[in-house]
Amino acid sequence: MTPPPRWRSGVDRAAHRRTDPGWLDEAWARARVLVIDSSAQVLSSPGPELVFVEPDEAPTGDRLFLGVDTEDTPYFAVVADLPEWPGARPVTLREVGAGLSERDAELLATAAALVNWHATHRYAPPTGEETSAAAAGWLRVDPSGTHLFPRTDPAVIVLVHDGVAGEQGRCLLGSNAARPVGRDGRRFFSTLAGFVEPGESAEDAVAREVYEEVGVRVSELRYEGSQPWPYPGSLMLGFTGVADPAQPFRLDPAEIAAARWFTRAEIASVFANEPGPRGALRGEPAPGVPVYLPGPASIAYRLIHTWLHASPLPR
């Protein structure tokens, strides 16, 4: 699978610096600063290109140390209302992630995940006491000194296919029940996904989620890669798997509004109409094809795109 954005970025997280106040003070003076608000929006100029400000231009707010690049430039995020900036607009990772450089995509993903984690961990779970940020944003501490570390929730996402090469090979996609039909009557379809439960392997989670959501048994699971997805703090573990299209669907109505098998020819017709890898939030519908597909910032897109161009498929 072609790696999703946010791989091989060249950012060193420099975790050993997080508890070094002297170094952090010195690094702040020469840092590039990303302003991010409480909803994980940042400013981007056309391109897209993230807006970084100088330390003396940064608003007052919690500082999050993100790391240093290959030229030893430190990067921080400051959690505050977004300032006015000529030619820039507020954006989220979902909107611009595919068009950013690998470095900037990782910095934004990290900042967004930390903002979301801090917002939900202001109080200690055992006691309800208020916590405070420490370690340059990578820790929260309660009054007794107990440490709370950022957590990532593992989730699986799978492209189920029939193992058939060529244009008539098919993949299984579902339409989430929580996502309304578009104004033009077209549905959004994507790969199936869900969270890994306690005591469960990622592979078991894939098999369980597919069966629970659409009633299909899947086999020949193959791990393809992962992607951080800070909505609010997930790590998406991508798989492919094989299933027999003759199996009848049994949809979970709370999760899936519709499911169907798509041929490669159908998927190609939708992707052919997309604005390109730096384009829209989601795939544009092809004329006469009543679906939207995931946009290029997501691992779902990568799984579908890789399957589309794999012929014959590895088994």
C-alpha atoms as a PDB file:
ATOM      1  CA  MET A   1       0.000   0.000   0.000  1.00  0.00           C
ATOM      2  CA  THR A   2       1.223   3.503  -0.773  1.00  0.00           C
ATOM      3  CA  PRO A   3       2.057   5.058   2.611  1.00  0.00           C
ATOM      4  CA  PRO A   4      -0.562   7.506   3.887  1.00  0.00           C
ATOM      5  CA  PRO A   5       0.441  11.071   4.713  1.00  0.00           C
ATOM      6  CA  ARG A   6       2.323  11.522   8.018  1.00  0.00           C
ATOM      7  CA  TRP A   7       4.939   8.807   7.399  1.00  0.00           C
ATOM      8  CA  ARG A   8       8.690   9.468   7.250  1.00  0.00           C
ATOM      9  CA  SER A   9       8.311  13.143   8.138  1.00  0.00           C
ATOM     10  CA  GLY A  10      11.793  13.798   9.473  1.00  0.00           C
ATOM     11  CA  VAL A  11      10.455  15.165  12.784  1.00  0.00           C
ATOM     12  CA  ASP A  12      12.343  14.014  15.884  1.00  0.00           C
ATOM     13  CA  ARG A  13       9.937  14.152  18.821  1.00  0.00           C
ATOM     14  CA  ALA A  14      12.930  14.566  21.167  1.00  0.00           C
ATOM     15  CA  ALA A  15      11.064  13.148  24.147  1.00  0.00           C
ATOM     16  CA  HIS A  16      14.091  13.617  26.409  1.00  0.00           C
ATOM     17  CA  ARG A  17      13.691  17.405  26.020  1.00  0.00           C
ATOM     18  CA  ARG A  18      10.145  17.513  27.398  1.00  0.00           C
ATOM     19  CA  THR A  19      11.325  17.646  31.005  1.00  0.00           C
ATOM     20  CA  ASP A  20      14.227  20.045  30.437  1.00  0.00           C
ATOM     21  CA  PRO A  21      12.893  23.554  31.242  1.00  0.00           C
ATOM     22  CA  GLY A  22      16.137  25.290  30.339  1.00  0.00           C
ATOM     23  CA  TRP A  23      16.295  23.718  26.904  1.00  0.00           C
ATOM     24  CA  LEU A  24      12.584  24.355  26.285  1.00  0.00           C
ATOM     25  CA  ASP A  25      12.988  28.053  27.111  1.00  0.00           C
ATOM     26  CA  GLU A  26      15.947  28.339  24.759  1.00  0.00           C
ATOM     27  CA  ALA A  27      14.148  26.359  22.049  1.00  0.00           C
ATOM     28  CA  TRP A  28      11.024  28.533  22.316  1.00  0.00           C
ATOM     29  CA  ALA A  29      13.032  31.622  21.430  1.00  0.00           C
ATOM     30  CA  ARG A  30      13.994  30.149  18.039  1.00  0.00           C
ATOM     31  CA  ALA A  31      10.931  28.001  17.391  1.00  0.00           C
ATOM     32  CA  ARG A  32       8.291  27.940  14.709  1.00  0.00           C
ATOM     33  CA  VAL A  33       4.898  28.042  16.372  1.00  0.00           C
ATOM     34  CA  LEU A  34       1.632  26.543  15.177  1.00  0.00           C
ATOM     35  CA  VAL A  35      -1.465  28.164  16.686  1.00  0.00           C
ATOM     36  CA  ILE A  36      -4.245  25.619  17.185  1.00  0.00           C
ATOM     37  CA  ASP A  37      -7.635  26.235  18.741  1.00  0.00           C
ATOM     38  CA  SER A  38      -9.662  24.027  21.083  1.00  0.00           C
ATOM     39  CA  SER A  39     -11.431  22.366  18.149  1.00  0.00           C
ATOM     40  CA  ALA A  40      -8.059  21.449  16.564  1.00  0.00           C
ATOM     41  CA  GLN A  41      -8.301  24.010  13.782  1.00  0.00           C
ATOM     42  CA  VAL A  42      -5.195  25.775  12.491  1.00  0.00           C
ATOM     43  CA  LEU A  43      -4.518  28.428   9.878  1.00  0.00           C
ATOM     44  CA  SER A  44      -3.519  27.459   6.353  1.00  0.00           C
ATOM     45  CA  SER A  45      -2.634  29.538   3.335  1.00  0.00           C
ATOM     46  CA  PRO A  46      -3.408  28.267  -0.188  1.00  0.00           C
ATOM     47  CA  GLY A  47      -1.380  25.266  -1.197  1.00  0.00           C
ATOM     48  CA  PRO A  48      -2.270  24.141   1.429  1.00  0.00           C
ATOM     49  CA  GLU A  49       0.537  25.352   3.694  1.00  0.00           C
ATOM     50  CA  LEU A  50       0.344  25.672   7.460  1.00  0.00           C
ATOM     51  CA  VAL A  51       0.862  29.108   8.980  1.00  0.00           C
ATOM     52  CA  PHE A  52       3.657  29.129  11.565  1.00  0.00           C
ATOM     53  CA  VAL A  53       4.265  32.276  13.591  1.00  0.00           C
ATOM     54  CA  GLU A  54       7.315  33.613  15.396  1.00  0.00           C
ATOM     55  CA  PRO A  55       7.382  33.130  19.188  1.00  0.00           C
ATOM     56  CA  ASP A  56       6.868  36.837  19.846  1.00  0.00           C
ATOM     57  CA  GLU A  57       3.797  36.783  17.559  1.00  0.00           C
ATOM     58  CA  ALA A  58       2.199  33.787  19.272  1.00  0.00           C
ATOM     59  CA  PRO A  59      -0.862  34.366  21.462  1.00  0.00           C
ATOM     60  CA  THR A  60      -0.873  33.364  25.105  1.00  0.00           C
ATOM     61  CA  GLY A  61      -1.895  29.750  25.646  1.00  0.00           C
ATOM     62  CA  ASP A  62      -0.728  26.281  26.638  1.00  0.00           C
ATOM     63  CA  ARG A  63       2.486  25.328  24.865  1.00  0.00           C
ATOM     64  CA  LEU A  64       2.899  21.874  23.351  1.00  0.00           C
ATOM     65  CA  PHE A  65       6.389  20.820  22.264  1.00  0.00           C
ATOM     66  CA  LEU A  66       6.078  18.885  18.989  1.00  0.00           C
ATOM     67  CA  GLY A  67       9.718  18.126  18.154  1.00  0.00           C
ATOM     68  CA  VAL A  68      12.659  19.288  16.060  1.00  0.00           C
ATOM     69  CA  ASP A  69      13.286  18.885  12.359  1.00  0.00           C
ATOM     70  CA  THR A  70      16.421  17.732  10.547  1.00  0.00           C
ATOM     71  CA  GLU A  71      17.861  21.263  10.771  1.00  0.00           C
ATOM     72  CA  ASP A  72      17.314  21.308  14.560  1.00  0.00           C
ATOM     73  CA  THR A  73      14.473  23.829  14.335  1.00  0.00           C
ATOM     74  CA  PRO A  74      12.073  23.361  17.276  1.00  0.00           C
ATOM     75  CA  TYR A  75       8.313  23.256  16.700  1.00  0.00           C
ATOM     76  CA  PHE A  76       5.688  24.145  19.266  1.00  0.00           C
ATOM     77  CA  ALA A  77       1.918  24.430  19.190  1.00  0.00           C
ATOM     78  CA  VAL A  78       0.051  27.024  21.244  1.00  0.00           C
ATOM     79  CA  VAL A  79      -3.570  26.339  22.134  1.00  0.00           C
ATOM     80  CA  ALA A  80      -5.443  29.620  21.640  1.00  0.00           C
ATOM     81  CA  ASP A  81      -8.010  31.355  19.483  1.00  0.00           C
ATOM     82  CA  LEU A  82      -6.779  31.641  15.912  1.00  0.00           C
ATOM     83  CA  PRO A  83      -5.426  35.087  15.021  1.00  0.00           C
ATOM     84  CA  GLU A  84      -6.342  37.018  11.911  1.00  0.00           C
ATOM     85  CA  TRP A  85      -3.827  36.239   9.174  1.00  0.00           C
ATOM     86  CA  PRO A  86      -3.842  37.678   5.641  1.00  0.00           C
ATOM     87  CA  GLY A  87      -4.720  35.076   3.003  1.00  0.00           C
ATOM     88  CA  ALA A  88      -5.196  32.251   5.535  1.00  0.00           C
ATOM     89  CA  ARG A  89      -8.278  30.357   6.666  1.00  0.00           C
ATOM     90  CA  PRO A  90      -9.094  27.929   9.499  1.00  0.00           C
ATOM     91  CA  VAL A  91      -8.736  24.262   8.490  1.00  0.00           C
ATOM     92  CA  THR A  92      -8.620  20.815  10.064  1.00  0.00           C
ATOM     93  CA  LEU A  93      -6.331  17.878   9.418  1.00  0.00           C
ATOM     94  CA  ARG A  94      -9.165  16.088   7.637  1.00  0.00           C
ATOM     95  CA  GLU A  95      -9.451  18.924   5.123  1.00  0.00           C
ATOM     96  CA  VAL A  96      -5.803  19.518   4.245  1.00  0.00           C
ATOM     97  CA  GLY A  97      -3.814  16.514   5.505  1.00  0.00           C
ATOM     98  CA  ALA A  98      -3.302  14.957   2.081  1.00  0.00           C
ATOM     99  CA  GLY A  99      -1.901  18.161   0.614  1.00  0.00           C
ATOM    100  CA  LEU A 100       0.584  19.004   3.373  1.00  0.00           C
ATOM    101  CA  SER A 101       4.224  18.037   3.443  1.00  0.00           C
ATOM    102  CA  GLU A 102       4.994  14.927   5.495  1.00  0.00           C
ATOM    103  CA  ARG A 103       6.551  17.101   8.191  1.00  0.00           C
ATOM    104  CA  ASP A 104       3.624  19.486   8.484  1.00  0.00           C
ATOM    105  CA  ALA A 105       1.062  16.678   8.362  1.00  0.00           C
ATOM    106  CA  GLU A 106       2.747  14.936  11.284  1.00  0.00           C
ATOM    107  CA  LEU A 107       3.047  18.162  13.260  1.00  0.00           C
ATOM    108  CA  LEU A 108      -0.652  18.909  12.770  1.00  0.00           C
ATOM    109  CA  ALA A 109      -1.708  15.334  13.583  1.00  0.00           C
ATOM    110  CA  THR A 110       0.358  15.414  16.781  1.00  0.00           C
ATOM    111  CA  ALA A 111      -0.927  18.814  17.857  1.00  0.00           C
ATOM    112  CA  ALA A 112      -4.546  17.868  17.157  1.00  0.00           C
ATOM    113  CA  ALA A 113      -4.252  14.619  19.114  1.00  0.00           C
ATOM    114  CA  LEU A 114      -2.711  16.415  22.107  1.00  0.00           C
ATOM    115  CA  VAL A 115      -5.370  19.143  22.075  1.00  0.00           C
ATOM    116  CA  ASN A 116      -8.117  16.516  22.066  1.00  0.00           C
ATOM    117  CA  TRP A 117      -6.455  14.513  24.855  1.00  0.00           C
ATOM    118  CA  HIS A 118      -5.951  17.547  27.132  1.00  0.00           C
ATOM    119  CA  ALA A 119      -9.579  18.583  26.642  1.00  0.00           C
ATOM    120  CA  THR A 120     -10.841  15.238  27.962  1.00  0.00           C
ATOM    121  CA  HIS A 121      -8.351  14.708  30.794  1.00  0.00           C
ATOM    122  CA  ARG A 122      -8.677  17.854  32.885  1.00  0.00           C
ATOM    123  CA  TYR A 123      -9.786  15.765  35.850  1.00  0.00           C
ATOM    124  CA  ALA A 124      -8.241  12.628  37.324  1.00  0.00           C
ATOM    125  CA  PRO A 125     -10.477   9.577  36.684  1.00  0.00           C
ATOM    126  CA  PRO A 126      -9.984   7.991  40.150  1.00  0.00           C
ATOM    127  CA  THR A 127     -10.609  11.121  42.225  1.00  0.00           C
ATOM    128  CA  GLY A 128     -12.201  13.788  40.039  1.00  0.00           C
ATOM    129  CA  GLU A 129      -9.497  16.244  41.102  1.00  0.00           C
ATOM    130  CA  GLU A 130      -8.282  18.791  38.612  1.00  0.00           C
ATOM    131  CA  THR A 131      -5.089  17.957  36.722  1.00  0.00           C
ATOM    132  CA  SER A 132      -2.448  20.271  35.288  1.00  0.00           C
ATOM    133  CA  ALA A 133      -0.310  20.024  32.162  1.00  0.00           C
ATOM    134  CA  ALA A 134       3.379  19.151  32.463  1.00  0.00           C
ATOM    135  CA  ALA A 135       6.306  17.855  30.385  1.00  0.00           C
ATOM    136  CA  ALA A 136       5.729  20.375  27.603  1.00  0.00           C
ATOM    137  CA  GLY A 137       2.184  19.129  27.055  1.00  0.00           C
ATOM    138  CA  TRP A 138       2.910  15.394  27.153  1.00  0.00           C
ATOM    139  CA  LEU A 139       1.682  14.764  30.683  1.00  0.00           C
ATOM    140  CA  ARG A 140      -1.059  15.745  33.108  1.00  0.00           C
ATOM    141  CA  VAL A 141      -0.545  15.520  36.877  1.00  0.00           C
ATOM    142  CA  ASP A 142      -3.138  15.378  39.653  1.00  0.00           C
ATOM    143  CA  PRO A 143      -2.622  16.942  43.138  1.00  0.00           C
ATOM    144  CA  SER A 144      -1.260  13.662  44.532  1.00  0.00           C
ATOM    145  CA  GLY A 145       1.409  13.520  41.831  1.00  0.00           C
ATOM    146  CA  THR A 146      -0.184  10.759  39.748  1.00  0.00           C
ATOM    147  CA  HIS A 147       0.813  11.002  36.088  1.00  0.00           C
ATOM    148  CA  LEU A 148      -1.656  10.759  33.229  1.00  0.00           C
ATOM    149  CA  PHE A 149      -0.074  10.079  29.845  1.00  0.00           C
ATOM    150  CA  PRO A 150      -1.637  10.648  26.408  1.00  0.00           C
ATOM    151  CA  ARG A 151      -3.473   7.583  25.170  1.00  0.00           C
ATOM    152  CA  THR A 152      -4.145   6.359  21.660  1.00  0.00           C
ATOM    153  CA  ASP A 153      -7.102   4.090  20.897  1.00  0.00           C
ATOM    154  CA  PRO A 154      -6.322   1.289  18.418  1.00  0.00           C
ATOM    155  CA  ALA A 155      -8.893   0.864  15.679  1.00  0.00           C
ATOM    156  CA  VAL A 156      -8.992  -1.427  12.658  1.00  0.00           C
ATOM    157  CA  ILE A 157     -10.057  -0.547   9.144  1.00  0.00           C
ATOM    158  CA  VAL A 158     -10.362  -3.121   6.386  1.00  0.00           C
ATOM    159  CA  LEU A 159     -10.851  -3.291   2.655  1.00  0.00           C
ATOM    160  CA  VAL A 160     -12.716  -6.538   2.025  1.00  0.00           C
ATOM    161  CA  HIS A 161     -12.385  -7.879  -1.533  1.00  0.00           C
ATOM    162  CA  ASP A 162     -13.209 -11.048  -3.467  1.00  0.00           C
ATOM    163  CA  GLY A 163      -9.633 -11.858  -4.530  1.00  0.00           C
ATOM    164  CA  VAL A 164     -10.506 -11.573  -8.231  1.00  0.00           C
ATOM    165  CA  ALA A 165      -8.168  -9.725 -10.589  1.00  0.00           C
ATOM    166  CA  GLY A 166      -9.268  -7.367 -13.325  1.00  0.00           C
ATOM    167  CA  GLU A 167     -12.104  -4.916 -13.801  1.00  0.00           C
ATOM    168  CA  GLN A 168     -14.763  -7.275 -12.471  1.00  0.00           C
ATOM    169  CA  GLY A 169     -12.964  -7.907  -9.185  1.00  0.00           C
ATOM    170  CA  ARG A 170     -15.082  -6.541  -6.347  1.00  0.00           C
ATOM    171  CA  CYS A 171     -14.601  -4.856  -2.982  1.00  0.00           C
ATOM    172  CA  LEU A 172     -17.103  -4.453  -0.163  1.00  0.00           C
ATOM    173  CA  LEU A 173     -17.903  -0.965   1.132  1.00  0.00           C
ATOM    174  CA  GLY A 174     -20.454   0.281   3.635  1.00  0.00           C
ATOM    175  CA  SER A 175     -22.365   3.505   4.203  1.00  0.00           C
ATOM    176  CA  ASN A 176     -22.364   4.656   7.825  1.00  0.00           C
ATOM    177  CA  ALA A 177     -25.797   5.060   9.365  1.00  0.00           C
ATOM    178  CA  ALA A 178     -24.743   8.321  11.038  1.00  0.00           C
ATOM    179  CA  ARG A 179     -23.822   9.945   7.737  1.00  0.00           C
ATOM    180  CA  PRO A 180     -26.795  11.453   5.893  1.00  0.00           C
ATOM    181  CA  VAL A 181     -27.417  11.069   2.195  1.00  0.00           C
ATOM    182  CA  GLY A 182     -26.081  14.060   0.257  1.00  0.00           C
ATOM    183  CA  ARG A 183     -28.335  16.741  -1.127  1.00  0.00           C
ATOM    184  CA  ASP A 184     -27.773  15.241  -4.573  1.00  0.00           C
ATOM    185  CA  GLY A 185     -29.045  11.856  -3.358  1.00  0.00           C
ATOM    186  CA  ARG A 186     -25.608  10.230  -3.337  1.00  0.00           C
ATOM    187  CA  ARG A 187     -24.314   8.153  -0.421  1.00  0.00           C
ATOM    188  CA  PHE A 188     -20.862   8.131   1.102  1.00  0.00           C
ATOM    189  CA  PHE A 189     -19.328   4.629   1.070  1.00  0.00           C
ATOM    190  CA  SER A 190     -16.088   3.595   2.748  1.00  0.00           C
ATOM    191  CA  THR A 191     -14.175   0.676   4.178  1.00  0.00           C
ATOM    192  CA  LEU A 192     -15.452  -1.014   7.344  1.00  0.00           C
ATOM    193  CA  ALA A 193     -13.846  -0.048  10.649  1.00  0.00           C
ATOM    194  CA  GLY A 194     -14.147  -0.279  14.403  1.00  0.00           C
ATOM    195  CA  PHE A 195     -12.250  -0.160  17.687  1.00  0.00           C
ATOM    196  CA  VAL A 196     -10.180  -2.991  19.095  1.00  0.00           C
ATOM    197  CA  GLU A 197     -11.837  -4.263  22.272  1.00  0.00           C
ATOM    198  CA  PRO A 198     -10.050  -5.296  25.500  1.00  0.00           C
ATOM    199  CA  GLY A 199      -8.409  -8.721  25.255  1.00  0.00           C
ATOM    200  CA  GLU A 200      -8.707  -8.749  21.456  1.00  0.00           C
ATOM    201  CA  SER A 201      -6.065  -8.888  18.735  1.00  0.00           C
ATOM    202  CA  ALA A 202      -6.266  -6.535  15.759  1.00  0.00           C
ATOM    203  CA  GLU A 203      -6.996  -9.472  13.452  1.00  0.00           C
ATOM    204  CA  ASP A 204      -9.827 -10.707  15.677  1.00  0.00           C
ATOM    205  CA  ALA A 205     -11.229  -7.181  15.744  1.00  0.00           C
ATOM    206  CA  VAL A 206     -11.304  -7.068  11.935  1.00  0.00           C
ATOM    207  CA  ALA A 207     -13.184 -10.358  11.678  1.00  0.00           C
ATOM    208  CA  ARG A 208     -15.605  -9.368  14.430  1.00  0.00           C
ATOM    209  CA  GLU A 209     -16.335  -5.877  13.091  1.00  0.00           C
ATOM    210  CA  VAL A 210     -17.001  -7.088   9.544  1.00  0.00           C
ATOM    211  CA  TYR A 211     -19.322  -9.812  10.779  1.00  0.00           C
ATOM    212  CA  GLU A 212     -21.114  -7.520  13.249  1.00  0.00           C
ATOM    213  CA  GLU A 213     -21.605  -4.714  10.747  1.00  0.00           C
ATOM    214  CA  VAL A 214     -22.546  -6.579   7.562  1.00  0.00           C
ATOM    215  CA  GLY A 215     -22.821 -10.286   8.501  1.00  0.00           C
ATOM    216  CA  VAL A 216     -19.936 -11.376   6.256  1.00  0.00           C
ATOM    217  CA  ARG A 217     -17.160 -13.794   7.233  1.00  0.00           C
ATOM    218  CA  VAL A 218     -13.712 -12.575   6.172  1.00  0.00           C
ATOM    219  CA  SER A 219     -10.429 -14.503   5.903  1.00  0.00           C
ATOM    220  CA  GLU A 220      -6.873 -14.151   4.554  1.00  0.00           C
ATOM    221  CA  LEU A 221      -6.279 -10.972   6.518  1.00  0.00           C
ATOM    222  CA  ARG A 222      -3.253  -8.959   5.506  1.00  0.00           C
ATOM    223  CA  TYR A 223      -1.851  -6.007   7.454  1.00  0.00           C
ATOM    224  CA  GLU A 224      -1.193  -3.042   5.146  1.00  0.00           C
ATOM    225  CA  GLY A 225      -0.126  -0.129   7.343  1.00  0.00           C
ATOM    226  CA  SER A 226      -1.314   2.384   9.912  1.00  0.00           C
ATOM    227  CA  GLN A 227      -2.293   6.028  10.196  1.00  0.00           C
ATOM    228  CA  PRO A 228      -2.742   8.332  13.186  1.00  0.00           C
ATOM    229  CA  TRP A 229      -6.268   9.709  13.158  1.00  0.00           C
ATOM    230  CA  PRO A 230      -6.847  12.279  15.919  1.00  0.00           C
ATOM    231  CA  TYR A 231     -10.650  12.180  15.895  1.00  0.00           C
ATOM    232  CA  PRO A 232     -10.231  12.334  18.799  1.00  0.00           C
ATOM    233  CA  GLY A 233      -7.201  10.048  19.337  1.00  0.00           C
ATOM    234  CA  SER A 234      -7.143   6.893  17.226  1.00  0.00           C
ATOM    235  CA  LEU A 235      -4.487   4.841  15.474  1.00  0.00           C
ATOM    236  CA  MET A 236      -5.998   3.224  12.391  1.00  0.00           C
ATOM    237  CA  LEU A 237      -4.558  -0.222  11.644  1.00  0.00           C
ATOM    238  CA  GLY A 238      -5.221  -0.974   7.986  1.00  0.00           C
ATOM    239  CA  PHE A 239      -5.971  -4.450   6.647  1.00  0.00           C
ATOM    240  CA  THR A 240      -7.223  -6.193   3.554  1.00  0.00           C
ATOM    241  CA  GLY A 241      -9.223  -9.416   3.687  1.00  0.00           C
ATOM    242  CA  VAL A 242     -11.021 -11.816   1.383  1.00  0.00           C
ATOM    243  CA  ALA A 243     -14.716 -12.733   1.462  1.00  0.00           C
ATOM    244  CA  ASP A 244     -17.199 -14.512  -0.778  1.00  0.00           C
ATOM    245  CA  PRO A 245     -19.683 -12.059  -2.351  1.00  0.00           C
ATOM    246  CA  ALA A 246     -22.319 -14.822  -2.323  1.00  0.00           C
ATOM    247  CA  GLN A 247     -22.685 -14.396   1.438  1.00  0.00           C
ATOM    248  CA  PRO A 248     -25.915 -12.533   2.236  1.00  0.00           C
ATOM    249  CA  PHE A 249     -25.687  -9.223   4.065  1.00  0.00           C
ATOM    250  CA  ARG A 250     -27.039  -8.842   7.595  1.00  0.00           C
ATOM    251  CA  LEU A 251     -26.604  -5.172   8.381  1.00  0.00           C
ATOM    252  CA  ASP A 252     -26.374  -3.674  11.849  1.00  0.00           C
ATOM    253  CA  PRO A 253     -28.827  -0.770  11.403  1.00  0.00           C
ATOM    254  CA  ALA A 254     -27.197   1.222  14.199  1.00  0.00           C
ATOM    255  CA  GLU A 255     -23.910   1.214  12.274  1.00  0.00           C
ATOM    256  CA  ILE A 256     -24.503   0.591   8.573  1.00  0.00           C
ATOM    257  CA  ALA A 257     -27.272   2.073   6.431  1.00  0.00           C
ATOM    258  CA  ALA A 258     -26.236   0.281   3.244  1.00  0.00           C
ATOM    259  CA  ALA A 259     -23.535  -2.050   1.954  1.00  0.00           C
ATOM    260  CA  ARG A 260     -22.663  -3.301  -1.504  1.00  0.00           C
ATOM    261  CA  TRP A 261     -19.937  -4.853  -3.587  1.00  0.00           C
ATOM    262  CA  PHE A 262     -18.274  -2.505  -6.102  1.00  0.00           C
ATOM    263  CA  THR A 263     -16.353  -3.626  -9.167  1.00  0.00           C
ATOM    264  CA  ARG A 264     -12.970  -2.136  -9.967  1.00  0.00           C
ATOM    265  CA  ALA A 265     -14.570  -0.476 -12.978  1.00  0.00           C
ATOM    266  CA  GLU A 266     -17.085   1.299 -10.719  1.00  0.00           C
ATOM    267  CA  ILE A 267     -14.404   2.432  -8.252  1.00  0.00           C
ATOM    268  CA  ALA A 268     -12.193   3.637 -11.108  1.00  0.00           C
ATOM    269  CA  SER A 269     -15.043   5.728 -12.504  1.00  0.00           C
ATOM    270  CA  VAL A 270     -15.391   7.584  -9.183  1.00  0.00           C
ATOM    271  CA  PHE A 271     -11.659   8.071  -8.630  1.00  0.00           C
ATOM    272  CA  ALA A 272     -11.226   9.278 -12.211  1.00  0.00           C
ATOM    273  CA  ASN A 273     -13.489  12.204 -11.403  1.00  0.00           C
ATOM    274  CA  GLU A 274     -11.567  13.293  -8.305  1.00  0.00           C
ATOM    275  CA  PRO A 275      -9.786  16.650  -8.249  1.00  0.00           C
ATOM    276  CA  GLY A 276      -6.483  14.947  -7.451  1.00  0.00           C
ATOM    277  CA  PRO A 277      -4.409  14.088  -4.376  1.00  0.00           C
ATOM    278  CA  ARG A 278      -4.485  17.671  -3.062  1.00  0.00           C
ATOM    279  CA  GLY A 279      -8.155  18.123  -3.753  1.00  0.00           C
ATOM    280  CA  ALA A 280     -11.479  17.659  -2.050  1.00  0.00           C
ATOM    281  CA  LEU A 281     -12.322  16.319   1.355  1.00  0.00           C
ATOM    282  CA  ARG A 282     -13.891  13.264  -0.253  1.00  0.00           C
ATOM    283  CA  GLY A 283     -13.980  11.684  -3.678  1.00  0.00           C
ATOM    284  CA  GLU A 284     -16.232  13.399  -6.182  1.00  0.00           C
ATOM    285  CA  PRO A 285     -19.074  11.335  -7.658  1.00  0.00           C
ATOM    286  CA  ALA A 286     -18.803  10.244 -11.256  1.00  0.00           C
ATOM    287  CA  PRO A 287     -21.844  10.944 -13.445  1.00  0.00           C
ATOM    288  CA  GLY A 288     -24.364   8.160 -12.963  1.00  0.00           C
ATOM    289  CA  VAL A 289     -22.505   6.603 -10.009  1.00  0.00           C
ATOM    290  CA  PRO A 290     -24.542   7.353  -6.849  1.00  0.00           C
ATOM    291  CA  VAL A 291     -21.660   7.336  -4.360  1.00  0.00           C
ATOM    292  CA  TYR A 292     -18.904   9.366  -2.808  1.00  0.00           C
ATOM    293  CA  LEU A 293     -15.653   7.706  -1.658  1.00  0.00           C
ATOM    294  CA  PRO A 294     -13.121   8.687   1.039  1.00  0.00           C
ATOM    295  CA  GLY A 295     -10.780  11.579   0.346  1.00  0.00           C
ATOM    296  CA  PRO A 296      -7.011  11.212  -0.087  1.00  0.00           C
ATOM    297  CA  ALA A 297      -6.129  12.238   3.485  1.00  0.00           C
ATOM    298  CA  SER A 298      -7.468   8.939   4.833  1.00  0.00           C
ATOM    299  CA  ILE A 299      -6.080   5.438   5.047  1.00  0.00           C
ATOM    300  CA  ALA A 300      -9.453   4.245   3.695  1.00  0.00           C
ATOM    301  CA  TYR A 301      -8.611   5.990   0.420  1.00  0.00           C
ATOM    302  CA  ARG A 302      -5.179   4.341   0.357  1.00  0.00           C
ATOM    303  CA  LEU A 303      -6.619   0.884   0.926  1.00  0.00           C
ATOM    304  CA  ILE A 304      -9.170   1.325  -1.855  1.00  0.00           C
ATOM    305  CA  HIS A 305      -6.679   2.945  -4.214  1.00  0.00           C
ATOM    306  CA  THR A 306      -4.104   0.172  -3.684  1.00  0.00           C
ATOM    307  CA  TRP A 307      -6.715  -2.536  -4.300  1.00  0.00           C
ATOM    308  CA  LEU A 308      -7.896  -0.741  -7.436  1.00  0.00           C
ATOM    309  CA  HIS A 309      -4.446  -0.907  -8.990  1.00  0.00           C
ATOM    310  CA  ALA A 310      -3.453  -4.369  -7.708  1.00  0.00           C
ATOM    311  CA  SER A 311      -3.911  -6.923 -10.457  1.00  0.00           C
ATOM    312  CA  PRO A 312      -3.555  -9.738  -9.774  1.00  0.00           C
ATOM    313  CA  LEU A 313      -4.063  -9.335  -6.046  1.00  0.00           C
ATOM    314  CA  PRO A 314      -1.581 -10.991  -3.666  1.00  0.00           C
ATOM    315  CA  ARG A 315      -3.131 -13.964  -1.856  1.00  0.00           C
END
